[in-house]
Amino acid sequence: METCPLSSTMRHLSQLLRMRDAAALADEQLLDQFLADRAGWAFEALVRRHGPMVLGTCRRILRQEQDAEDAFQATFLVLASKASSVRPRALVGNWLHGVARRTALEAQRAAARRRAREARAARPEARVEGEPDDLPALLDREVGRLPEKYRAAVVLCELEGRSRHEAAALLGWPEGTLSARLARARALLRQRLGGREWAAAPAALPSLLVSETVRALQVCGPARVLALVKGVTQMMWLAKLKRVSLVLAGLVVLGLGLGAARPAPVPQGALPPAPPKGKAPAAKPAEGQLPTSPAPYQVLARYEKDRLLVRRQVVYYEPVNDVGPDGGAVTRYRVANRLLTQKYPVGEVKAHDTRGHEIAAKKLARLLAKEVPVLVSPDGKPVDSLHLRLVKDGTVILMLPLPKAPPSVPAIGAPPGAPVPPPVIVPPAPAVPALPPIPPPPAVDPFQPAFPVNPPAPPAEQVPPPPG
């Protein structure tokens, strides 16, 4: 059955239009399209986009052109079988570079075995390649060992030949960041390559090689290419298994360590182990217990250079002029308060939190960078925990140096350096003689009225009889 030339032409035009549209799609979009319906045009677009970099990598490791082309086809067939495992999906070229190097090394080993079987290993083209003095092969090995952020920049700009503007847009980095990381990557590679200068450019991609690679996806490819795909796939699976084994081994070691650190259970009826000697644990305040030590008071504190500024409230009596009941001027006193500012050297101040832990000087300076309310111990000692039951957790408790006794002042008018006279001792006032005790009042009968109800009549006046 003959194929209609018109239909063949339409298919070719449709393919050209798809390839033109595919050039504007990102790697992630092409990969999703290939995973969705195994679209050949999306796969071909990825081959054309990253093929020059892959072919250049294979040629740097393999000297035989046929071996390099076999490794090229095997690399993209591995991509077709492992497309769902590409990470990150937006940087397919970064993933392909690592696979191309593994495939080229596998092809190199296969070629060496084949040439050994053919007894032609002495020929110059059959020598072992990729040895330490082989700069191109060492370059791809060291690129694969770079950190992810440096490797992505080298693959896009150096191996694929993209501009820095385009590479920065693909990576989502500012162009200055990309330039800095690219310069750092080049310096690392120069150092690891023994100071030798290197250059890598994408290879020219033959159209026939692209067509054969896309056709190998639809039909069975050459046996040697399929053998490379199988070997590389097994190598990737073993590498993944090794990583999983290392993670599981780490989890087992961590579990054993936690099990060893867990205290042994105490048998039922046995006494609990005695606490270790040393500082006894702080006892929790008992219920229904009140503190007996003086309570802390609240101040405002702030660090200023090497001093601690403390503002506390002072209560005093303020005189007020007033008018008395008789119209005269009198002075009355009322209770007033104000903030008194005091300064303390930082080295003489100690601080604790509400749990009794001492606060370091640097942390205290950070906490008191701005003026905040804190508590102050009234006696310069740690505050009783019973006082802190009602205090918000995180409150700073300061222990300020207590004021010293005022120095002795020499007498007024004494020359400088004169000895201070002894203090004047005032004798006590004479004792006041005690007054005699006041006798208690006579007892009163509660049933006897204070005044008689029927007072007796006064006696009758007796008149003496007249004389005889």
Protein backbone atom coordinates (compact mmCIF):
# COMPACT_ATOMS: atom_id res chain seq x y z
CA MET A 1 0.00 0.00 0.00
CA GLU A 2 1.53 3.26 -1.11
CA THR A 3 1.71 6.20 1.28
CA CYS A 4 0.03 9.37 0.14
CA PRO A 5 2.65 12.10 -0.38
CA LEU A 6 0.24 14.73 0.94
CA SER A 7 -0.33 12.91 4.23
CA SER A 8 3.41 12.39 4.66
CA THR A 9 3.99 16.07 4.07
CA MET A 10 1.29 17.01 6.60
CA ARG A 11 2.86 14.77 9.23
CA HIS A 12 6.24 16.35 8.62
CA LEU A 13 4.78 19.87 8.89
CA SER A 14 2.93 18.92 12.07
CA GLN A 15 6.17 17.58 13.52
CA LEU A 16 8.00 20.79 12.64
CA LEU A 17 5.31 22.89 14.32
CA ARG A 18 5.48 20.76 17.45
CA MET A 19 9.24 21.04 17.59
CA ARG A 20 8.97 24.81 17.20
CA ASP A 21 6.50 24.96 20.10
CA ALA A 22 8.62 22.56 22.16
CA ALA A 23 11.58 24.95 21.96
CA ALA A 24 9.63 27.41 24.09
CA LEU A 25 8.73 24.84 26.77
CA ALA A 26 10.80 24.29 29.90
CA ASP A 27 12.44 20.97 30.78
CA GLU A 28 9.79 20.26 33.42
CA GLN A 29 6.96 20.75 30.93
CA LEU A 30 8.57 18.51 28.33
CA LEU A 31 9.22 15.83 30.95
CA ASP A 32 5.60 15.98 32.16
CA GLN A 33 4.34 15.71 28.60
CA PHE A 34 6.54 12.67 27.96
CA LEU A 35 5.39 10.99 31.17
CA ALA A 36 1.75 11.70 30.39
CA ASP A 37 1.48 10.09 26.93
CA ARG A 38 5.04 9.05 25.94
CA ALA A 39 5.10 11.88 23.43
CA GLY A 40 7.92 11.33 20.96
CA TRP A 41 8.17 15.01 20.09
CA ALA A 42 8.79 15.93 23.76
CA PHE A 43 11.51 13.29 24.02
CA GLU A 44 13.11 14.51 20.79
CA ALA A 45 13.04 18.09 22.10
CA LEU A 46 14.95 16.97 25.21
CA VAL A 47 17.46 15.09 23.06
CA ARG A 48 18.09 18.13 20.85
CA ARG A 49 18.32 20.49 23.83
CA HIS A 50 20.73 18.46 25.99
CA GLY A 51 22.30 16.23 23.35
CA PRO A 52 25.38 18.43 22.71
CA MET A 53 26.30 18.37 26.41
CA VAL A 54 25.74 14.60 26.70
CA LEU A 55 27.75 13.84 23.54
CA GLY A 56 30.60 16.09 24.70
CA THR A 57 30.72 14.27 28.05
CA CYS A 58 30.80 10.87 26.35
CA ARG A 59 33.55 11.96 23.93
CA ARG A 60 35.77 13.29 26.73
CA ILE A 61 35.77 9.85 28.39
CA LEU A 62 35.58 7.60 25.31
CA ARG A 63 38.04 8.06 22.48
CA GLN A 64 36.18 5.82 20.02
CA GLU A 65 33.36 7.67 18.28
CA GLN A 66 31.18 4.57 18.06
CA ASP A 67 31.51 3.98 21.81
CA ALA A 68 30.61 7.62 22.48
CA GLU A 69 27.49 7.40 20.29
CA ASP A 70 26.43 4.15 22.01
CA ALA A 71 26.81 5.83 25.41
CA PHE A 72 24.84 8.82 24.07
CA GLN A 73 21.88 6.65 23.03
CA ALA A 74 22.02 4.64 26.27
CA THR A 75 21.95 7.85 28.35
CA PHE A 76 18.67 9.04 26.78
CA LEU A 77 17.14 5.56 26.96
CA VAL A 78 17.89 5.60 30.72
CA LEU A 79 16.13 8.97 30.84
CA ALA A 80 13.10 7.43 29.13
CA SER A 81 12.95 4.60 31.70
CA LYS A 82 13.77 6.75 34.76
CA ALA A 83 11.97 9.96 33.81
CA SER A 84 9.79 9.89 36.93
CA SER A 85 12.86 9.88 39.21
CA VAL A 86 14.51 13.03 37.80
CA ARG A 87 15.11 15.55 40.60
CA PRO A 88 14.89 18.47 40.27
CA ARG A 89 12.55 18.20 37.29
CA ALA A 90 13.39 21.68 36.04
CA LEU A 91 17.11 20.75 35.63
CA VAL A 92 17.12 17.70 33.40
CA GLY A 93 20.57 18.61 32.06
CA ASN A 94 22.10 18.38 35.53
CA TRP A 95 20.68 14.86 35.94
CA LEU A 96 21.72 13.84 32.42
CA HIS A 97 25.34 14.85 33.01
CA GLY A 98 25.68 12.43 35.91
CA VAL A 99 24.01 9.61 33.93
CA ALA A 100 26.16 10.32 30.84
CA ARG A 101 29.35 10.04 32.88
CA ARG A 102 28.23 6.74 34.44
CA THR A 103 27.20 5.39 31.06
CA ALA A 104 30.49 6.41 29.43
CA LEU A 105 32.47 4.74 32.21
CA GLU A 106 30.39 1.58 31.82
CA ALA A 107 30.97 1.69 28.05
CA GLN A 108 34.68 2.16 28.68
CA ARG A 109 34.82 -0.95 30.86
CA ALA A 110 32.78 -2.93 28.31
CA ALA A 111 35.08 -1.80 25.50
CA ALA A 112 38.15 -2.80 27.50
CA ARG A 113 36.71 -6.24 28.11
CA ARG A 114 35.79 -6.62 24.46
CA ARG A 115 39.22 -5.59 23.28
CA ALA A 116 40.85 -7.91 25.79
CA ARG A 117 38.83 -10.78 24.42
CA GLU A 118 39.87 -9.82 20.92
CA ALA A 119 43.52 -9.73 22.07
CA ARG A 120 44.05 -6.23 20.73
CA ALA A 121 44.57 -4.39 24.02
CA ALA A 122 48.07 -3.24 22.97
CA ARG A 123 46.76 -0.93 20.27
CA PRO A 124 46.94 2.81 21.12
CA GLU A 125 43.21 3.22 20.79
CA ALA A 126 42.65 0.41 23.26
CA ARG A 127 44.58 1.85 26.18
CA VAL A 128 42.87 2.42 29.51
CA GLU A 129 41.26 5.82 29.36
CA GLY A 130 40.27 8.19 32.09
CA GLU A 131 43.51 7.78 34.08
CA PRO A 132 44.73 10.64 36.36
CA ASP A 133 46.65 12.43 33.60
CA ASP A 134 43.61 12.47 31.29
CA LEU A 135 42.30 15.99 31.87
CA PRO A 136 38.98 15.70 29.93
CA ALA A 137 37.95 12.57 31.85
CA LEU A 138 39.04 14.08 35.17
CA LEU A 139 36.97 17.19 34.41
CA ASP A 140 33.66 15.34 34.29
CA ARG A 141 34.55 13.37 37.42
CA GLU A 142 35.30 16.53 39.40
CA VAL A 143 32.19 18.28 38.05
CA GLY A 144 30.12 15.39 39.41
CA ARG A 145 31.73 15.86 42.84
CA LEU A 146 30.86 19.58 43.10
CA PRO A 147 28.05 20.70 45.42
CA GLU A 148 24.64 20.96 43.76
CA LYS A 149 24.61 24.77 43.46
CA TYR A 150 28.03 24.83 41.78
CA ARG A 151 27.42 21.81 39.55
CA ALA A 152 24.18 23.25 38.15
CA ALA A 153 25.96 26.49 37.19
CA VAL A 154 28.84 24.65 35.47
CA VAL A 155 26.55 22.29 33.54
CA LEU A 156 24.35 25.09 32.20
CA CYS A 157 27.01 27.70 31.41
CA GLU A 158 30.14 25.66 30.62
CA LEU A 159 28.94 22.28 29.35
CA GLU A 160 25.70 23.35 27.62
CA GLY A 161 26.95 26.78 26.54
CA ARG A 162 23.96 28.78 27.81
CA SER A 163 24.26 32.49 28.53
CA ARG A 164 24.38 33.62 32.13
CA HIS A 165 21.10 35.47 31.73
CA GLU A 166 19.35 32.33 30.46
CA ALA A 167 20.96 30.09 33.10
CA ALA A 168 20.00 32.48 35.90
CA ALA A 169 16.38 32.48 34.70
CA LEU A 170 16.31 28.65 34.61
CA LEU A 171 17.79 28.33 38.10
CA GLY A 172 15.73 31.15 39.59
CA TRP A 173 18.85 32.97 40.83
CA PRO A 174 19.93 36.59 40.42
CA GLU A 175 22.52 36.92 37.68
CA GLY A 176 25.08 38.18 40.18
CA THR A 177 24.60 35.09 42.34
CA LEU A 178 25.07 32.85 39.31
CA SER A 179 28.29 34.65 38.34
CA ALA A 180 29.69 34.36 41.87
CA ARG A 181 28.90 30.65 42.13
CA LEU A 182 30.26 29.97 38.66
CA ALA A 183 33.54 31.70 39.55
CA ARG A 184 33.75 29.70 42.76
CA ALA A 185 33.10 26.45 40.85
CA ARG A 186 35.82 27.24 38.32
CA ALA A 187 38.27 27.93 41.14
CA LEU A 188 37.41 24.61 42.83
CA LEU A 189 37.84 22.71 39.58
CA ARG A 190 41.17 24.39 38.85
CA GLN A 191 42.37 23.46 42.34
CA ARG A 192 41.25 19.84 42.03
CA LEU A 193 42.77 19.50 38.57
CA GLY A 194 46.20 20.49 39.86
CA GLY A 195 46.06 24.09 38.68
CA ARG A 196 45.56 23.13 35.03
CA GLU A 197 43.26 25.27 32.93
CA TRP A 198 40.28 23.53 31.39
CA ALA A 199 37.64 24.27 28.81
CA ALA A 200 34.56 22.31 27.83
CA ALA A 201 32.24 23.16 24.97
CA PRO A 202 29.09 21.39 23.77
CA ALA A 203 29.69 19.03 20.85
CA ALA A 204 28.04 19.38 17.45
CA LEU A 205 25.06 17.04 17.43
CA PRO A 206 24.57 15.01 14.21
CA SER A 207 20.94 14.86 13.07
CA LEU A 208 21.31 11.16 12.23
CA LEU A 209 22.27 10.39 15.84
CA VAL A 210 19.17 12.21 17.09
CA SER A 211 16.93 10.24 14.70
CA GLU A 212 18.49 6.92 15.74
CA THR A 213 18.04 7.76 19.43
CA VAL A 214 14.37 8.67 18.98
CA ARG A 215 13.82 5.53 16.87
CA ALA A 216 15.49 3.37 19.56
CA LEU A 217 12.77 4.54 21.94
CA GLN A 218 10.06 3.06 19.69
CA VAL A 219 11.81 -0.10 18.51
CA CYS A 220 14.44 -2.33 20.04
CA GLY A 221 17.86 -0.66 19.83
CA PRO A 222 21.26 -2.28 19.27
CA ALA A 223 22.27 -5.01 21.70
CA ARG A 224 25.33 -3.15 22.94
CA VAL A 225 23.20 -0.07 23.71
CA LEU A 226 20.63 -2.13 25.59
CA ALA A 227 23.45 -3.80 27.56
CA LEU A 228 24.68 -0.34 28.61
CA VAL A 229 21.14 0.68 29.65
CA LYS A 230 20.82 -2.45 31.76
CA GLY A 231 24.21 -1.98 33.42
CA VAL A 232 23.63 1.70 34.24
CA THR A 233 20.11 1.02 35.55
CA GLN A 234 21.43 -1.67 37.88
CA MET A 235 24.22 0.66 39.00
CA MET A 236 21.69 3.40 39.86
CA TRP A 237 19.50 0.91 41.71
CA LEU A 238 22.47 -0.31 43.77
CA ALA A 239 23.46 3.27 44.60
CA LYS A 240 19.93 3.99 45.78
CA LEU A 241 19.90 0.76 47.82
CA LYS A 242 23.20 1.78 49.40
CA ARG A 243 21.78 5.16 50.46
CA VAL A 244 18.68 3.54 51.94
CA SER A 245 20.88 1.02 53.81
CA LEU A 246 22.98 3.82 55.27
CA VAL A 247 19.85 5.63 56.46
CA LEU A 248 18.45 2.48 58.05
CA ALA A 249 21.80 1.75 59.71
CA GLY A 250 21.85 5.27 61.12
CA LEU A 251 18.34 4.85 62.50
CA VAL A 252 19.30 1.53 64.11
CA VAL A 253 22.37 3.07 65.75
CA LEU A 254 20.28 6.00 66.97
CA GLY A 255 17.68 3.61 68.41
CA LEU A 256 20.35 1.59 70.19
CA GLY A 257 21.82 4.75 71.63
CA LEU A 258 18.47 5.91 72.93
CA GLY A 259 17.79 2.47 74.39
CA ALA A 260 21.13 2.47 76.19
CA ALA A 261 20.48 5.94 77.60
CA ARG A 262 17.06 4.92 78.95
CA PRO A 263 17.23 4.04 82.69
CA ALA A 264 16.53 0.44 83.66
CA PRO A 265 13.02 -0.17 85.07
CA VAL A 266 12.77 -0.49 88.87
CA PRO A 267 11.29 -3.85 89.98
CA GLN A 268 8.01 -3.66 91.83
CA GLY A 269 8.60 -3.32 95.56
CA ALA A 270 12.21 -2.21 95.19
CA LEU A 271 13.39 1.10 96.60
CA PRO A 272 14.16 3.86 94.11
CA PRO A 273 17.86 4.59 93.60
CA ALA A 274 19.42 7.13 95.88
CA PRO A 275 20.07 10.54 94.31
CA PRO A 276 23.71 11.24 93.42
CA LYS A 277 25.84 13.02 95.93
CA GLY A 278 26.40 16.68 95.43
CA LYS A 279 23.96 19.52 95.08
CA ALA A 280 20.50 18.45 96.18
CA PRO A 281 17.64 19.19 93.78
CA ALA A 282 15.58 22.23 94.59
CA ALA A 283 12.46 21.29 96.53
CA LYS A 284 9.12 22.42 95.18
CA PRO A 285 7.20 24.83 97.39
CA ALA A 286 4.71 23.02 99.59
CA GLU A 287 1.04 23.74 99.30
CA GLY A 288 -0.33 26.15 101.88
CA GLN A 289 3.12 27.59 102.67
CA LEU A 290 3.90 31.31 102.64
CA PRO A 291 7.31 32.96 102.28
CA THR A 292 9.04 34.39 105.31
CA SER A 293 11.76 36.40 103.55
CA PRO A 294 11.15 39.95 102.24
CA ALA A 295 9.41 40.12 98.89
CA PRO A 296 11.15 41.55 95.80
CA TYR A 297 10.12 44.93 94.51
CA GLN A 298 9.64 46.11 90.95
CA VAL A 299 11.95 48.54 89.12
CA LEU A 300 12.70 49.66 85.58
CA ALA A 301 16.15 48.58 84.33
CA ARG A 302 18.16 49.28 81.18
CA TYR A 303 21.75 48.67 80.05
CA GLU A 304 23.77 51.73 79.02
CA LYS A 305 27.34 50.96 77.94
CA ASP A 306 29.04 49.45 81.01
CA ARG A 307 26.42 50.58 83.52
CA LEU A 308 23.01 49.43 84.59
CA LEU A 309 20.41 52.18 85.05
CA VAL A 310 17.72 51.32 87.60
CA ARG A 311 14.68 53.50 88.24
CA ARG A 312 12.65 52.68 91.33
CA GLN A 313 9.67 54.35 92.94
CA VAL A 314 10.32 56.29 96.16
CA VAL A 315 7.48 57.20 98.52
CA TYR A 316 7.89 60.30 100.75
CA TYR A 317 5.87 62.94 102.59
CA GLU A 318 5.42 66.21 100.76
CA PRO A 319 4.68 69.42 102.74
CA VAL A 320 1.60 71.38 101.70
CA ASN A 321 0.68 74.86 102.93
CA ASP A 322 -2.90 75.09 104.16
CA VAL A 323 -5.21 77.27 106.30
CA GLY A 324 -6.07 76.13 109.83
CA PRO A 325 -9.45 76.31 111.59
CA ASP A 326 -8.51 79.60 113.20
CA GLY A 327 -7.55 81.13 109.85
CA GLY A 328 -3.83 80.84 110.40
CA ALA A 329 -1.29 79.21 108.08
CA VAL A 330 -0.54 75.56 108.80
CA THR A 331 1.66 72.96 107.09
CA ARG A 332 0.20 69.60 106.27
CA TYR A 333 1.93 66.53 104.76
CA ARG A 334 0.66 64.24 102.07
CA VAL A 335 2.04 61.00 100.62
CA ALA A 336 3.82 61.44 97.24
CA ASN A 337 6.09 59.33 95.04
CA ARG A 338 8.65 59.80 92.27
CA LEU A 339 11.16 57.74 90.25
CA LEU A 340 14.71 57.70 91.58
CA THR A 341 17.47 56.75 89.08
CA GLN A 342 20.52 54.84 90.30
CA LYS A 343 23.54 53.56 88.38
CA TYR A 344 25.39 50.31 89.09
CA PRO A 345 28.57 48.87 87.54
CA VAL A 346 27.77 45.84 85.40
CA GLY A 347 30.34 43.67 87.18
CA GLU A 348 28.61 44.14 90.54
CA VAL A 349 25.14 43.07 89.35
CA LYS A 350 23.94 39.47 89.39
CA ALA A 351 20.76 38.22 87.78
CA HIS A 352 18.64 35.07 87.89
CA ASP A 353 15.53 33.88 86.13
CA THR A 354 12.37 32.63 87.80
CA ARG A 355 13.79 29.10 87.94
CA GLY A 356 16.88 30.14 89.86
CA HIS A 357 19.32 29.86 86.93
CA GLU A 358 21.98 32.54 86.71
CA ILE A 359 21.82 34.75 83.61
CA ALA A 360 25.11 35.40 81.83
CA ALA A 361 26.27 38.99 81.31
CA LYS A 362 25.88 38.91 77.50
CA LYS A 363 22.37 37.53 77.69
CA LEU A 364 21.43 40.04 80.39
CA ALA A 365 22.68 42.89 78.22
CA ARG A 366 20.53 41.60 75.35
CA LEU A 367 17.45 41.27 77.58
CA LEU A 368 17.88 44.77 79.02
CA ALA A 369 18.78 46.54 75.79
CA LYS A 370 15.54 48.48 76.27
CA GLU A 371 14.04 49.59 79.57
CA VAL A 372 11.91 46.74 80.92
CA PRO A 373 10.33 46.01 84.32
CA VAL A 374 12.32 43.59 86.48
CA LEU A 375 12.34 42.46 90.10
CA VAL A 376 15.02 43.32 92.64
CA SER A 377 15.96 41.29 95.69
CA PRO A 378 15.67 43.59 98.73
CA ASP A 379 18.56 41.96 100.63
CA GLY A 380 20.91 41.18 97.73
CA LYS A 381 20.28 37.44 98.04
CA PRO A 382 18.41 35.00 95.77
CA VAL A 383 14.66 35.47 96.07
CA ASP A 384 12.68 32.75 97.82
CA SER A 385 10.90 30.52 95.29
CA LEU A 386 7.66 31.00 97.20
CA HIS A 387 7.63 34.63 96.07
CA LEU A 388 8.03 33.60 92.43
CA ARG A 389 4.95 31.42 92.22
CA LEU A 390 2.92 34.42 91.06
CA VAL A 391 5.65 35.89 88.82
CA LYS A 392 5.51 35.49 85.04
CA ASP A 393 8.02 33.02 83.65
CA GLY A 394 10.94 34.80 82.00
CA THR A 395 11.04 37.71 84.43
CA VAL A 396 14.54 38.86 85.35
CA ILE A 397 15.43 39.06 89.06
CA LEU A 398 18.35 41.38 89.87
CA MET A 399 20.59 41.26 92.93
CA LEU A 400 22.03 44.74 93.30
CA PRO A 401 24.93 45.60 95.59
CA LEU A 402 23.71 46.86 98.95
CA PRO A 403 24.54 50.49 99.87
CA LYS A 404 27.63 50.89 101.99
CA ALA A 405 27.69 52.73 105.32
CA PRO A 406 28.44 56.45 104.93
CA PRO A 407 32.08 57.37 105.74
CA SER A 408 32.95 59.33 108.84
CA VAL A 409 33.05 63.08 108.23
CA PRO A 410 35.63 65.22 110.10
CA ALA A 411 34.43 68.11 112.23
CA ILE A 412 33.58 71.34 110.50
CA GLY A 413 36.56 73.66 110.39
CA ALA A 414 39.13 70.92 111.03
CA PRO A 415 42.20 71.08 108.78
CA PRO A 416 42.56 68.46 106.06
CA GLY A 417 44.07 65.24 107.31
CA ALA A 418 43.04 65.88 110.92
CA PRO A 419 41.96 62.77 112.83
CA VAL A 420 38.29 62.17 113.07
CA PRO A 421 37.09 62.71 116.67
CA PRO A 422 35.38 59.83 118.35
CA PRO A 423 31.61 59.82 118.19
CA VAL A 424 29.82 61.68 120.97
CA ILE A 425 27.97 59.30 123.25
CA VAL A 426 24.76 60.83 124.56
CA PRO A 427 23.90 59.45 128.04
CA PRO A 428 20.41 58.08 128.43
CA ALA A 429 17.76 60.24 130.07
CA PRO A 430 17.11 59.60 133.80
CA ALA A 431 14.39 57.15 134.52
CA VAL A 432 10.99 58.60 135.50
CA PRO A 433 9.81 57.27 138.91
CA ALA A 434 6.85 54.99 138.66
CA LEU A 435 3.51 56.25 139.95
CA PRO A 436 1.73 54.35 142.73
CA PRO A 437 -0.86 51.94 141.46
CA ILE A 438 -4.43 53.12 141.33
CA PRO A 439 -6.65 51.04 143.64
CA PRO A 440 -9.41 49.19 141.86
CA PRO A 441 -12.99 50.45 142.29
CA PRO A 442 -15.15 48.70 144.91
CA ALA A 443 -17.15 45.77 143.81
CA VAL A 444 -20.73 46.50 142.89
CA ASP A 445 -23.57 44.02 143.38
CA PRO A 446 -25.34 43.75 140.00
CA PHE A 447 -28.62 42.99 141.70
CA GLN A 448 -28.37 45.90 144.07
CA PRO A 449 -29.68 49.14 142.50
CA ALA A 450 -27.35 52.03 142.47
CA PHE A 451 -29.94 54.17 144.19
CA PRO A 452 -32.55 52.89 146.76
CA VAL A 453 -36.01 52.52 145.42
CA ASN A 454 -37.78 53.57 148.65
CA PRO A 455 -35.33 55.69 150.53
CA PRO A 456 -35.95 55.65 154.31
CA ALA A 457 -37.53 58.73 155.83
CA PRO A 458 -35.16 61.04 157.61
CA PRO A 459 -35.32 60.59 161.38
CA ALA A 460 -37.63 62.92 163.25
CA GLU A 461 -36.06 65.84 164.93
CA GLN A 462 -36.01 65.25 168.65
CA VAL A 463 -36.67 68.35 170.71
CA PRO A 464 -35.30 68.23 174.23
CA PRO A 465 -37.92 68.65 176.94
CA PRO A 466 -38.10 71.98 178.61
CA PRO A 467 -36.54 72.29 181.99
CA GLY A 468 -38.63 71.52 184.97
